[in-house]
Full PDB file with SEQRES, HELIX, SHEET, SSBOND, CRYST1, ORIGX, SCALE, CONECT and MASTER records, all heavy atoms in Angstrom:
SEQRES   1 A   37  GLY CYS LEU THR GLY PHE TYR LEU ILE LEU LYS GLY SER          
SEQRES   2 A   37  ARG THR PRO GLN GLU LEU TYR GLU LEU MET LEU ASN ALA          
SEQRES   3 A   37  PHE ARG SER VAL ASN GLY VAL THR GLU VAL PRO                  
HELIX    1 AA1 PRO A   16  SER A   29  1                                  14    
HELIX    2 AA2 VAL A   30  GLY A   32  5                                   3    
CRYST1    1.000    1.000    1.000  90.00  90.00  90.00 P 1           1          
ORIGX1      1.000000  0.000000  0.000000        0.00000                         
ORIGX2      0.000000  1.000000  0.000000        0.00000                         
ORIGX3      0.000000  0.000000  1.000000        0.00000                         
SCALE1      1.000000  0.000000  0.000000        0.00000                         
SCALE2      0.000000  1.000000  0.000000        0.00000                         
SCALE3      0.000000  0.000000  1.000000        0.00000                         
ATOM      1  N   GLY A   1     107.339 107.904  84.801  1.00  0.00           N  
ATOM      2  CA  GLY A   1     106.860 108.519  83.572  1.00  0.00           C  
ATOM      3  C   GLY A   1     106.165 107.533  82.648  1.00  0.00           C  
ATOM      4  O   GLY A   1     105.249 107.899  81.911  1.00  0.00           O  
ATOM      5  N   CYS A   2     106.562 106.266  82.686  1.00  0.00           N  
ATOM      6  CA  CYS A   2     105.953 105.246  81.820  1.00  0.00           C  
ATOM      7  C   CYS A   2     104.608 104.765  82.348  1.00  0.00           C  
ATOM      8  O   CYS A   2     103.921 103.992  81.675  1.00  0.00           O  
ATOM      9  CB  CYS A   2     106.900 104.056  81.656  1.00  0.00           C  
ATOM     10  SG  CYS A   2     107.264 103.199  83.206  1.00  0.00           S  
ATOM     11  N   LEU A   3     104.226 105.192  83.536  1.00  0.00           N  
ATOM     12  CA  LEU A   3     102.949 104.860  84.160  1.00  0.00           C  
ATOM     13  C   LEU A   3     102.763 103.362  84.417  1.00  0.00           C  
ATOM     14  O   LEU A   3     101.646 102.853  84.414  1.00  0.00           O  
ATOM     15  CB  LEU A   3     101.769 105.410  83.344  1.00  0.00           C  
ATOM     16  CG  LEU A   3     101.759 106.927  83.151  1.00  0.00           C  
ATOM     17  CD1 LEU A   3     100.624 107.333  82.220  1.00  0.00           C  
ATOM     18  CD2 LEU A   3     101.667 107.652  84.469  1.00  0.00           C  
ATOM     19  N   THR A   4     103.876 102.671  84.689  1.00  0.00           N  
ATOM     20  CA  THR A   4     103.776 101.256  85.053  1.00  0.00           C  
ATOM     21  C   THR A   4     104.066 101.038  86.532  1.00  0.00           C  
ATOM     22  O   THR A   4     104.013  99.908  87.007  1.00  0.00           O  
ATOM     23  CB  THR A   4     104.719 100.380  84.207  1.00  0.00           C  
ATOM     24  OG1 THR A   4     106.071 100.761  84.450  1.00  0.00           O  
ATOM     25  CG2 THR A   4     104.393 100.490  82.729  1.00  0.00           C  
ATOM     26  N   GLY A   5     104.386 102.100  87.256  1.00  0.00           N  
ATOM     27  CA  GLY A   5     104.679 101.960  88.671  1.00  0.00           C  
ATOM     28  C   GLY A   5     105.063 103.278  89.307  1.00  0.00           C  
ATOM     29  O   GLY A   5     104.872 104.348  88.724  1.00  0.00           O  
ATOM     30  N   PHE A   6     105.623 103.151  90.510  1.00  0.00           N  
ATOM     31  CA  PHE A   6     105.999 104.311  91.316  1.00  0.00           C  
ATOM     32  C   PHE A   6     107.437 104.179  91.780  1.00  0.00           C  
ATOM     33  O   PHE A   6     107.968 103.076  91.885  1.00  0.00           O  
ATOM     34  CB  PHE A   6     105.105 104.404  92.567  1.00  0.00           C  
ATOM     35  CG  PHE A   6     103.686 104.748  92.262  1.00  0.00           C  
ATOM     36  CD1 PHE A   6     102.761 103.753  91.987  1.00  0.00           C  
ATOM     37  CD2 PHE A   6     103.266 106.073  92.250  1.00  0.00           C  
ATOM     38  CE1 PHE A   6     101.439 104.059  91.709  1.00  0.00           C  
ATOM     39  CE2 PHE A   6     101.946 106.387  91.969  1.00  0.00           C  
ATOM     40  CZ  PHE A   6     101.027 105.383  91.696  1.00  0.00           C  
ATOM     41  N   TYR A   7     108.034 105.318  92.103  1.00  0.00           N  
ATOM     42  CA  TYR A   7     109.313 105.335  92.807  1.00  0.00           C  
ATOM     43  C   TYR A   7     109.052 105.708  94.253  1.00  0.00           C  
ATOM     44  O   TYR A   7     108.289 106.628  94.544  1.00  0.00           O  
ATOM     45  CB  TYR A   7     110.287 106.355  92.199  1.00  0.00           C  
ATOM     46  CG  TYR A   7     110.811 105.927  90.860  1.00  0.00           C  
ATOM     47  CD1 TYR A   7     110.482 106.628  89.717  1.00  0.00           C  
ATOM     48  CD2 TYR A   7     111.635 104.805  90.738  1.00  0.00           C  
ATOM     49  CE1 TYR A   7     110.966 106.231  88.486  1.00  0.00           C  
ATOM     50  CE2 TYR A   7     112.119 104.401  89.507  1.00  0.00           C  
ATOM     51  CZ  TYR A   7     111.779 105.118  88.386  1.00  0.00           C  
ATOM     52  OH  TYR A   7     112.254 104.722  87.164  1.00  0.00           O  
ATOM     53  N   LEU A   8     109.685 104.973  95.142  1.00  0.00           N  
ATOM     54  CA  LEU A   8     109.663 105.270  96.571  1.00  0.00           C  
ATOM     55  C   LEU A   8     111.109 105.487  96.980  1.00  0.00           C  
ATOM     56  O   LEU A   8     111.957 104.622  96.747  1.00  0.00           O  
ATOM     57  CB  LEU A   8     109.070 104.097  97.360  1.00  0.00           C  
ATOM     58  CG  LEU A   8     109.159 104.173  98.887  1.00  0.00           C  
ATOM     59  CD1 LEU A   8     108.390 105.380  99.423  1.00  0.00           C  
ATOM     60  CD2 LEU A   8     108.650 102.884  99.512  1.00  0.00           C  
ATOM     61  N   ILE A   9     111.398 106.649  97.537  1.00  0.00           N  
ATOM     62  CA  ILE A   9     112.753 106.948  98.002  1.00  0.00           C  
ATOM     63  C   ILE A   9     112.707 107.047  99.519  1.00  0.00           C  
ATOM     64  O   ILE A   9     111.912 107.806 100.076  1.00  0.00           O  
ATOM     65  CB  ILE A   9     113.305 108.248  97.379  1.00  0.00           C  
ATOM     66  CG1 ILE A   9     113.281 108.147  95.844  1.00  0.00           C  
ATOM     67  CG2 ILE A   9     114.722 108.517  97.886  1.00  0.00           C  
ATOM     68  CD1 ILE A   9     113.687 109.409  95.124  1.00  0.00           C  
ATOM     69  N   LEU A  10     113.550 106.233 100.161  1.00  0.00           N  
ATOM     70  CA  LEU A  10     113.604 106.172 101.622  1.00  0.00           C  
ATOM     71  C   LEU A  10     115.006 106.434 102.125  1.00  0.00           C  
ATOM     72  O   LEU A  10     115.992 106.114 101.444  1.00  0.00           O  
ATOM     73  CB  LEU A  10     113.189 104.776 102.112  1.00  0.00           C  
ATOM     74  CG  LEU A  10     111.784 104.291 101.835  1.00  0.00           C  
ATOM     75  CD1 LEU A  10     111.633 102.847 102.302  1.00  0.00           C  
ATOM     76  CD2 LEU A  10     110.757 105.178 102.509  1.00  0.00           C  
ATOM     77  N   LYS A  11     115.089 106.947 103.331  1.00  0.00           N  
ATOM     78  CA  LYS A  11     116.366 107.021 104.030  1.00  0.00           C  
ATOM     79  C   LYS A  11     116.806 105.597 104.354  1.00  0.00           C  
ATOM     80  O   LYS A  11     115.967 104.732 104.628  1.00  0.00           O  
ATOM     81  CB  LYS A  11     116.229 107.802 105.333  1.00  0.00           C  
ATOM     82  CG  LYS A  11     115.859 109.250 105.164  1.00  0.00           C  
ATOM     83  CD  LYS A  11     115.634 109.884 106.523  1.00  0.00           C  
ATOM     84  CE  LYS A  11     115.073 111.271 106.391  1.00  0.00           C  
ATOM     85  NZ  LYS A  11     114.704 111.828 107.697  1.00  0.00           N  
ATOM     86  N   GLY A  12     118.106 105.349 104.341  1.00  0.00           N  
ATOM     87  CA  GLY A  12     118.612 104.031 104.710  1.00  0.00           C  
ATOM     88  C   GLY A  12     118.552 103.063 103.543  1.00  0.00           C  
ATOM     89  O   GLY A  12     118.349 103.453 102.396  1.00  0.00           O  
ATOM     90  N   SER A  13     118.736 101.803 103.864  1.00  0.00           N  
ATOM     91  CA  SER A  13     118.725 100.776 102.836  1.00  0.00           C  
ATOM     92  C   SER A  13     118.109  99.509 103.402  1.00  0.00           C  
ATOM     93  O   SER A  13     118.618  98.938 104.361  1.00  0.00           O  
ATOM     94  CB  SER A  13     120.149 100.503 102.349  1.00  0.00           C  
ATOM     95  OG  SER A  13     120.133  99.538 101.329  1.00  0.00           O  
ATOM     96  N   ARG A  14     117.014  99.111 102.823  1.00  0.00           N  
ATOM     97  CA  ARG A  14     116.328  97.888 103.224  1.00  0.00           C  
ATOM     98  C   ARG A  14     116.157  97.007 101.997  1.00  0.00           C  
ATOM     99  O   ARG A  14     116.202  97.488 100.866  1.00  0.00           O  
ATOM    100  CB  ARG A  14     114.946  98.218 103.786  1.00  0.00           C  
ATOM    101  CG  ARG A  14     115.004  98.975 105.085  1.00  0.00           C  
ATOM    102  CD  ARG A  14     113.633  99.560 105.401  1.00  0.00           C  
ATOM    103  NE  ARG A  14     113.676 100.438 106.531  1.00  0.00           N  
ATOM    104  CZ  ARG A  14     114.131 101.681 106.513  1.00  0.00           C  
ATOM    105  NH1 ARG A  14     114.587 102.194 105.406  1.00  0.00           N  
ATOM    106  NH2 ARG A  14     114.128 102.411 107.595  1.00  0.00           N  
ATOM    107  N   THR A  15     115.910  95.760 102.227  1.00  0.00           N  
ATOM    108  CA  THR A  15     115.641  94.869 101.110  1.00  0.00           C  
ATOM    109  C   THR A  15     114.207  95.101 100.632  1.00  0.00           C  
ATOM    110  O   THR A  15     113.363  95.552 101.420  1.00  0.00           O  
ATOM    111  CB  THR A  15     115.806  93.393 101.511  1.00  0.00           C  
ATOM    112  OG1 THR A  15     114.787  93.058 102.470  1.00  0.00           O  
ATOM    113  CG2 THR A  15     117.196  93.121 102.084  1.00  0.00           C  
ATOM    114  N   PRO A  16     113.921  94.774  99.388  1.00  0.00           N  
ATOM    115  CA  PRO A  16     112.534  94.872  98.928  1.00  0.00           C  
ATOM    116  C   PRO A  16     111.580  94.027  99.783  1.00  0.00           C  
ATOM    117  O   PRO A  16     110.445  94.435 100.021  1.00  0.00           O  
ATOM    118  CB  PRO A  16     112.614  94.348  97.495  1.00  0.00           C  
ATOM    119  CG  PRO A  16     113.996  94.672  97.061  1.00  0.00           C  
ATOM    120  CD  PRO A  16     114.841  94.448  98.296  1.00  0.00           C  
ATOM    121  N   GLN A  17     112.066  92.882 100.269  1.00  0.00           N  
ATOM    122  CA  GLN A  17     111.222  92.032 101.113  1.00  0.00           C  
ATOM    123  C   GLN A  17     110.805  92.760 102.390  1.00  0.00           C  
ATOM    124  O   GLN A  17     109.712  92.530 102.903  1.00  0.00           O  
ATOM    125  CB  GLN A  17     111.949  90.730 101.464  1.00  0.00           C  
ATOM    126  CG  GLN A  17     112.148  89.809 100.285  1.00  0.00           C  
ATOM    127  CD  GLN A  17     113.422  90.082  99.484  1.00  0.00           C  
ATOM    128  OE1 GLN A  17     114.004  91.162  99.540  1.00  0.00           O  
ATOM    129  NE2 GLN A  17     113.851  89.097  98.707  1.00  0.00           N  
ATOM    130  N   GLU A  18     111.679  93.627 102.901  1.00  0.00           N  
ATOM    131  CA  GLU A  18     111.349  94.388 104.108  1.00  0.00           C  
ATOM    132  C   GLU A  18     110.256  95.430 103.850  1.00  0.00           C  
ATOM    133  O   GLU A  18     109.637  95.922 104.791  1.00  0.00           O  
ATOM    134  CB  GLU A  18     112.595  95.070 104.666  1.00  0.00           C  
ATOM    135  CG  GLU A  18     113.592  94.098 105.249  1.00  0.00           C  
ATOM    136  CD  GLU A  18     114.872  94.782 105.694  1.00  0.00           C  
ATOM    137  OE1 GLU A  18     115.706  95.106 104.818  1.00  0.00           O  
ATOM    138  OE2 GLU A  18     115.025  95.006 106.910  1.00  0.00           O  
ATOM    139  N   LEU A  19     110.020  95.769 102.600  1.00  0.00           N  
ATOM    140  CA  LEU A  19     108.987  96.747 102.250  1.00  0.00           C  
ATOM    141  C   LEU A  19     107.666  96.080 101.856  1.00  0.00           C  
ATOM    142  O   LEU A  19     106.668  96.762 101.628  1.00  0.00           O  
ATOM    143  CB  LEU A  19     109.460  97.626 101.088  1.00  0.00           C  
ATOM    144  CG  LEU A  19     110.707  98.450 101.353  1.00  0.00           C  
ATOM    145  CD1 LEU A  19     111.017  99.312 100.153  1.00  0.00           C  
ATOM    146  CD2 LEU A  19     110.563  99.287 102.600  1.00  0.00           C  
ATOM    147  N   TYR A  20     107.675  94.766 101.784  1.00  0.00           N  
ATOM    148  CA  TYR A  20     106.500  94.029 101.325  1.00  0.00           C  
ATOM    149  C   TYR A  20     105.244  94.399 102.127  1.00  0.00           C  
ATOM    150  O   TYR A  20     104.224  94.783 101.549  1.00  0.00           O  
ATOM    151  CB  TYR A  20     106.763  92.522 101.396  1.00  0.00           C  
ATOM    152  CG  TYR A  20     105.551  91.701 101.074  1.00  0.00           C  
ATOM    153  CD1 TYR A  20     105.212  91.421  99.756  1.00  0.00           C  
ATOM    154  CD2 TYR A  20     104.733  91.213 102.085  1.00  0.00           C  
ATOM    155  CE1 TYR A  20     104.078  90.672  99.451  1.00  0.00           C  
ATOM    156  CE2 TYR A  20     103.596  90.467 101.785  1.00  0.00           C  
ATOM    157  CZ  TYR A  20     103.281  90.197 100.471  1.00  0.00           C  
ATOM    158  OH  TYR A  20     102.162  89.473 100.175  1.00  0.00           O  
ATOM    159  N   GLU A  21     105.288  94.300 103.440  1.00  0.00           N  
ATOM    160  CA  GLU A  21     104.106  94.590 104.276  1.00  0.00           C  
ATOM    161  C   GLU A  21     103.685  96.052 104.139  1.00  0.00           C  
ATOM    162  O   GLU A  21     102.484  96.345 104.080  1.00  0.00           O  
ATOM    163  CB  GLU A  21     104.368  94.250 105.743  1.00  0.00           C  
ATOM    164  CG  GLU A  21     104.456  92.772 106.035  1.00  0.00           C  
ATOM    165  CD  GLU A  21     103.155  92.017 105.792  1.00  0.00           C  
ATOM    166  OE1 GLU A  21     102.064  92.597 106.009  1.00  0.00           O  
ATOM    167  OE2 GLU A  21     103.231  90.849 105.366  1.00  0.00           O  
ATOM    168  N   LEU A  22     104.658  96.954 104.086  1.00  0.00           N  
ATOM    169  CA  LEU A  22     104.344  98.374 103.932  1.00  0.00           C  
ATOM    170  C   LEU A  22     103.582  98.606 102.633  1.00  0.00           C  
ATOM    171  O   LEU A  22     102.536  99.273 102.620  1.00  0.00           O  
ATOM    172  CB  LEU A  22     105.620  99.219 103.955  1.00  0.00           C  
ATOM    173  CG  LEU A  22     105.437 100.705 103.652  1.00  0.00           C  
ATOM    174  CD1 LEU A  22     104.617 101.388 104.741  1.00  0.00           C  
ATOM    175  CD2 LEU A  22     106.791 101.380 103.484  1.00  0.00           C  
ATOM    176  N   MET A  23     104.085  98.064 101.536  1.00  0.00           N  
ATOM    177  CA  MET A  23     103.428  98.272 100.241  1.00  0.00           C  
ATOM    178  C   MET A  23     102.075  97.568 100.182  1.00  0.00           C  
ATOM    179  O   MET A  23     101.101  98.135  99.692  1.00  0.00           O  
ATOM    180  CB  MET A  23     104.332  97.793  99.097  1.00  0.00           C  
ATOM    181  CG  MET A  23     105.531  98.687  98.849  1.00  0.00           C  
ATOM    182  SD  MET A  23     105.070 100.346  98.263  1.00  0.00           S  
ATOM    183  CE  MET A  23     105.067 101.292  99.776  1.00  0.00           C  
ATOM    184  N   LEU A  24     102.007  96.362 100.709  1.00  0.00           N  
ATOM    185  CA  LEU A  24     100.731  95.650 100.729  1.00  0.00           C  
ATOM    186  C   LEU A  24      99.692  96.455 101.512  1.00  0.00           C  
ATOM    187  O   LEU A  24      98.570  96.677 101.040  1.00  0.00           O  
ATOM    188  CB  LEU A  24     100.911  94.261 101.342  1.00  0.00           C  
ATOM    189  CG  LEU A  24      99.662  93.392 101.402  1.00  0.00           C  
ATOM    190  CD1 LEU A  24      99.078  93.148 100.011  1.00  0.00           C  
ATOM    191  CD2 LEU A  24      99.973  92.082 102.106  1.00  0.00           C  
ATOM    192  N   ASN A  25     100.065  96.928 102.687  1.00  0.00           N  
ATOM    193  CA  ASN A  25      99.142  97.717 103.513  1.00  0.00           C  
ATOM    194  C   ASN A  25      98.783  99.049 102.864  1.00  0.00           C  
ATOM    195  O   ASN A  25      97.635  99.505 102.943  1.00  0.00           O  
ATOM    196  CB  ASN A  25      99.719  97.934 104.909  1.00  0.00           C  
ATOM    197  CG  ASN A  25      99.802  96.650 105.701  1.00  0.00           C  
ATOM    198  OD1 ASN A  25      99.062  95.699 105.447  1.00  0.00           O  
ATOM    199  ND2 ASN A  25     100.712  96.595 106.651  1.00  0.00           N  
ATOM    200  N   ALA A  26      99.759  99.686 102.217  1.00  0.00           N  
ATOM    201  CA  ALA A  26      99.500 100.965 101.547  1.00  0.00           C  
ATOM    202  C   ALA A  26      98.469 100.789 100.434  1.00  0.00           C  
ATOM    203  O   ALA A  26      97.506 101.561 100.335  1.00  0.00           O  
ATOM    204  CB  ALA A  26     100.791 101.550 100.992  1.00  0.00           C  
ATOM    205  N   PHE A  27      98.661  99.769  99.609  1.00  0.00           N  
ATOM    206  CA  PHE A  27      97.723  99.555  98.513  1.00  0.00           C  
ATOM    207  C   PHE A  27      96.375  99.047  99.026  1.00  0.00           C  
ATOM    208  O   PHE A  27      95.331  99.415  98.478  1.00  0.00           O  
ATOM    209  CB  PHE A  27      98.329  98.637  97.446  1.00  0.00           C  
ATOM    210  CG  PHE A  27      99.254  99.384  96.529  1.00  0.00           C  
ATOM    211  CD1 PHE A  27     100.592  99.525  96.836  1.00  0.00           C  
ATOM    212  CD2 PHE A  27      98.774  99.978  95.369  1.00  0.00           C  
ATOM    213  CE1 PHE A  27     101.451 100.236  96.007  1.00  0.00           C  
ATOM    214  CE2 PHE A  27      99.617 100.689  94.534  1.00  0.00           C  
ATOM    215  CZ  PHE A  27     100.958 100.821  94.847  1.00  0.00           C  
ATOM    216  N   ARG A  28      96.367  98.257 100.081  1.00  0.00           N  
ATOM    217  CA  ARG A  28      95.097  97.807 100.676  1.00  0.00           C  
ATOM    218  C   ARG A  28      94.329  98.994 101.278  1.00  0.00           C  
ATOM    219  O   ARG A  28      93.103  99.011 101.269  1.00  0.00           O  
ATOM    220  CB  ARG A  28      95.345  96.751 101.753  1.00  0.00           C  
ATOM    221  CG  ARG A  28      95.602  95.375 101.217  1.00  0.00           C  
ATOM    222  CD  ARG A  28      94.288  94.727 100.809  1.00  0.00           C  
ATOM    223  NE  ARG A  28      94.531  93.438 100.202  1.00  0.00           N  
ATOM    224  CZ  ARG A  28      94.059  93.076  99.013  1.00  0.00           C  
ATOM    225  NH1 ARG A  28      93.327  93.901  98.307  1.00  0.00           N  
ATOM    226  NH2 ARG A  28      94.307  91.888  98.524  1.00  0.00           N  
ATOM    227  N   SER A  29      95.057  99.984 101.796  1.00  0.00           N  
ATOM    228  CA  SER A  29      94.407 101.132 102.436  1.00  0.00           C  
ATOM    229  C   SER A  29      93.574 101.956 101.459  1.00  0.00           C  
ATOM    230  O   SER A  29      92.658 102.673 101.873  1.00  0.00           O  
ATOM    231  CB  SER A  29      95.443 102.033 103.107  1.00  0.00           C  
ATOM    232  OG  SER A  29      96.123 102.834 102.149  1.00  0.00           O  
ATOM    233  N   VAL A  30      93.881 101.866 100.181  1.00  0.00           N  
ATOM    234  CA  VAL A  30      93.163 102.660  99.177  1.00  0.00           C  
ATOM    235  C   VAL A  30      91.667 102.331  99.200  1.00  0.00           C  
ATOM    236  O   VAL A  30      90.833 103.215  98.983  1.00  0.00           O  
ATOM    237  CB  VAL A  30      93.783 102.447  97.775  1.00  0.00           C  
ATOM    238  CG1 VAL A  30      92.991 103.189  96.692  1.00  0.00           C  
ATOM    239  CG2 VAL A  30      95.256 102.884  97.765  1.00  0.00           C  
ATOM    240  N   ASN A  31      91.319 101.080  99.505  1.00  0.00           N  
ATOM    241  CA  ASN A  31      89.908 100.672  99.573  1.00  0.00           C  
ATOM    242  C   ASN A  31      89.096 101.504 100.554  1.00  0.00           C  
ATOM    243  O   ASN A  31      87.914 101.734 100.331  1.00  0.00           O  
ATOM    244  CB  ASN A  31      89.788  99.200  99.974  1.00  0.00           C  
ATOM    245  CG  ASN A  31      89.638  98.319  98.779  1.00  0.00           C  
ATOM    246  OD1 ASN A  31      89.182  98.749  97.731  1.00  0.00           O  
ATOM    247  ND2 ASN A  31      90.037  97.084  98.932  1.00  0.00           N  
ATOM    248  N   GLY A  32      89.715 101.927 101.646  1.00  0.00           N  
ATOM    249  CA  GLY A  32      88.984 102.663 102.680  1.00  0.00           C  
ATOM    250  C   GLY A  32      88.874 104.149 102.432  1.00  0.00           C  
ATOM    251  O   GLY A  32      88.226 104.864 103.203  1.00  0.00           O  
ATOM    252  N   VAL A  33      89.462 104.633 101.358  1.00  0.00           N  
ATOM    253  CA  VAL A  33      89.451 106.070 101.072  1.00  0.00           C  
ATOM    254  C   VAL A  33      88.130 106.454 100.415  1.00  0.00           C  
ATOM    255  O   VAL A  33      87.673 105.797  99.484  1.00  0.00           O  
ATOM    256  CB  VAL A  33      90.650 106.433 100.164  1.00  0.00           C  
ATOM    257  CG1 VAL A  33      90.575 107.877  99.700  1.00  0.00           C  
ATOM    258  CG2 VAL A  33      91.960 106.165 100.873  1.00  0.00           C  
ATOM    259  N   THR A  34      87.525 107.519 100.920  1.00  0.00           N  
ATOM    260  CA  THR A  34      86.275 108.004 100.328  1.00  0.00           C  
ATOM    261  C   THR A  34      86.486 109.282  99.521  1.00  0.00           C  
ATOM    262  O   THR A  34      85.620 109.685  98.757  1.00  0.00           O  
ATOM    263  CB  THR A  34      85.219 108.263 101.420  1.00  0.00           C  
ATOM    264  OG1 THR A  34      85.747 109.202 102.362  1.00  0.00           O  
ATOM    265  CG2 THR A  34      84.846 106.965 102.130  1.00  0.00           C  
ATOM    266  N   GLU A  35      87.643 109.912  99.710  1.00  0.00           N  
ATOM    267  CA  GLU A  35      87.961 111.141  98.987  1.00  0.00           C  
ATOM    268  C   GLU A  35      89.471 111.212  98.828  1.00  0.00           C  
ATOM    269  O   GLU A  35      90.219 110.990  99.790  1.00  0.00           O  
ATOM    270  CB  GLU A  35      87.450 112.338  99.791  1.00  0.00           C  
ATOM    271  CG  GLU A  35      87.617 113.656  99.107  1.00  0.00           C  
ATOM    272  CD  GLU A  35      87.010 114.777  99.934  1.00  0.00           C  
ATOM    273  OE1 GLU A  35      85.841 114.644 100.350  1.00  0.00           O  
ATOM    274  OE2 GLU A  35      87.730 115.770 100.172  1.00  0.00           O  
ATOM    275  N   VAL A  36      89.941 111.530  97.627  1.00  0.00           N  
ATOM    276  CA  VAL A  36      91.375 111.645  97.380  1.00  0.00           C  
ATOM    277  C   VAL A  36      91.886 112.886  98.115  1.00  0.00           C  
ATOM    278  O   VAL A  36      91.356 113.988  97.917  1.00  0.00           O  
ATOM    279  CB  VAL A  36      91.673 111.740  95.870  1.00  0.00           C  
ATOM    280  CG1 VAL A  36      93.171 111.906  95.628  1.00  0.00           C  
ATOM    281  CG2 VAL A  36      91.136 110.517  95.139  1.00  0.00           C  
ATOM    282  N   PRO A  37      92.906 112.723  98.970  1.00  0.00           N  
ATOM    283  CA  PRO A  37      93.421 113.886  99.706  1.00  0.00           C  
ATOM    284  C   PRO A  37      94.160 114.859  98.790  1.00  0.00           C  
ATOM    285  O   PRO A  37      94.769 114.457  97.804  1.00  0.00           O  
ATOM    286  CB  PRO A  37      94.383 113.257 100.727  1.00  0.00           C  
ATOM    287  CG  PRO A  37      94.709 111.907 100.203  1.00  0.00           C  
ATOM    288  CD  PRO A  37      93.590 111.480  99.317  1.00  0.00           C  
TER     289      PRO A  37                                                      
MASTER        0    0    0    2    0    0    0    6  288    1    0    3          
END                                                                             
């Protein structure tokens, strides 16, 4: 609601470090988008 970030809810429990590549790749993927789905 404060518009400073997002919540991601996942099954299981991983460390934030384990999500690093996922988040990096997710945000990098935005560059290749030509139309918002």
